[in-house]
Amino acid sequence: MFRTFVLAAALGALALPAVAGTAVTVNVVGLDSKAAHAVIYHAAQQACRAELADDTQQVQFYNRPACISSAVATAEAKLASMRGLASR
């Protein structure tokens, strides 16, 4: 019962932090790893677009790839650890 609750709470709303304070909630319940990655990637794009909105186009061009990569890596690491907790 506890594992089910932890899994539902953890995977139900996985927040994607971008650079500073921007967060996008991602629902990955019932998705396989490839579909979850696609959802996380699109959410990272959205979060980084919002985070870098006030910057110049040149700054956005150079900072967006690193922002997206960092956000995706963080979210997928959280997802992997949550799935590991749920499988115990």
Protein backbone atom coordinates (compact mmCIF):
# COMPACT_ATOMS: atom_id res chain seq x y z
CA MET A 1 0.00 0.00 0.00
CA PHE A 2 2.80 2.43 0.91
CA ARG A 3 4.64 1.71 -2.35
CA THR A 4 1.48 2.34 -4.37
CA PHE A 5 0.96 5.64 -2.59
CA VAL A 6 4.57 6.72 -3.09
CA LEU A 7 4.44 5.74 -6.76
CA ALA A 8 1.19 7.64 -7.34
CA ALA A 9 2.45 10.73 -5.56
CA ALA A 10 5.89 10.68 -7.16
CA LEU A 11 5.01 9.83 -10.74
CA GLY A 12 1.69 11.64 -10.81
CA ALA A 13 3.31 15.04 -10.88
CA LEU A 14 7.00 15.19 -11.70
CA ALA A 15 8.16 18.78 -11.66
CA LEU A 16 10.80 19.86 -14.12
CA PRO A 17 12.96 22.66 -12.76
CA ALA A 18 14.63 24.67 -15.50
CA VAL A 19 17.36 27.15 -14.61
CA ALA A 20 16.18 29.22 -11.67
CA GLY A 21 12.60 29.02 -10.51
CA THR A 22 10.57 27.87 -13.49
CA ALA A 23 8.78 24.55 -13.05
CA VAL A 24 6.51 22.55 -15.32
CA THR A 25 4.47 19.62 -14.05
CA VAL A 26 4.71 16.45 -16.11
CA ASN A 27 2.36 13.49 -15.81
CA VAL A 28 4.22 10.29 -16.70
CA VAL A 29 1.87 7.76 -15.13
CA GLY A 30 1.36 4.80 -17.45
CA LEU A 31 3.97 5.88 -19.99
CA ASP A 32 6.84 3.70 -21.14
CA SER A 33 10.35 5.14 -20.97
CA LYS A 34 10.39 6.40 -24.58
CA ALA A 35 7.04 8.20 -24.22
CA ALA A 36 8.04 9.57 -20.80
CA HIS A 37 11.26 10.95 -22.30
CA ALA A 38 9.30 12.70 -25.07
CA VAL A 39 6.91 14.28 -22.55
CA ILE A 40 9.80 15.34 -20.31
CA TYR A 41 11.70 16.78 -23.29
CA HIS A 42 8.74 18.87 -24.42
CA ALA A 43 8.16 20.10 -20.88
CA ALA A 44 11.85 21.03 -20.62
CA GLN A 45 11.56 23.02 -23.83
CA GLN A 46 8.54 24.84 -22.42
CA ALA A 47 10.26 25.56 -19.09
CA CYS A 48 13.47 26.78 -20.72
CA ARG A 49 11.54 28.93 -23.18
CA ALA A 50 9.78 30.61 -20.24
CA GLU A 51 13.00 30.91 -18.24
CA LEU A 52 14.95 32.52 -21.09
CA ALA A 53 12.12 34.71 -22.38
CA ASP A 54 13.68 37.96 -21.12
CA ASP A 55 17.08 37.27 -22.67
CA THR A 56 18.23 38.37 -26.10
CA GLN A 57 17.86 36.03 -29.04
CA GLN A 58 21.60 35.36 -29.10
CA VAL A 59 21.69 34.48 -25.39
CA GLN A 60 18.69 32.19 -25.89
CA PHE A 61 20.39 30.49 -28.84
CA TYR A 62 23.46 29.60 -26.79
CA ASN A 63 21.81 28.86 -23.43
CA ARG A 64 18.69 26.92 -24.46
CA PRO A 65 20.44 23.60 -25.35
CA ALA A 66 22.25 23.46 -22.00
CA CYS A 67 19.05 24.42 -20.16
CA ILE A 68 17.06 21.67 -21.89
CA SER A 69 19.77 19.04 -21.38
CA SER A 70 20.06 19.90 -17.70
CA ALA A 71 16.30 19.89 -17.14
CA VAL A 72 15.84 16.56 -18.94
CA ALA A 73 18.72 14.94 -17.05
CA THR A 74 17.39 16.14 -13.70
CA ALA A 75 13.83 15.00 -14.42
CA GLU A 76 14.90 11.60 -15.73
CA ALA A 77 17.15 11.05 -12.71
CA LYS A 78 14.22 11.86 -10.42
CA LEU A 79 11.98 9.55 -12.43
CA ALA A 80 14.49 6.69 -12.22
CA SER A 81 14.90 7.10 -8.47
CA MET A 82 11.13 7.22 -7.97
CA ARG A 83 10.63 4.08 -10.03
CA GLY A 84 13.37 2.44 -8.00
CA LEU A 85 11.59 3.35 -4.76
CA ALA A 86 8.31 2.03 -6.12
CA SER A 87 9.82 -1.34 -7.04
CA ARG A 88 10.99 -2.09 -3.51
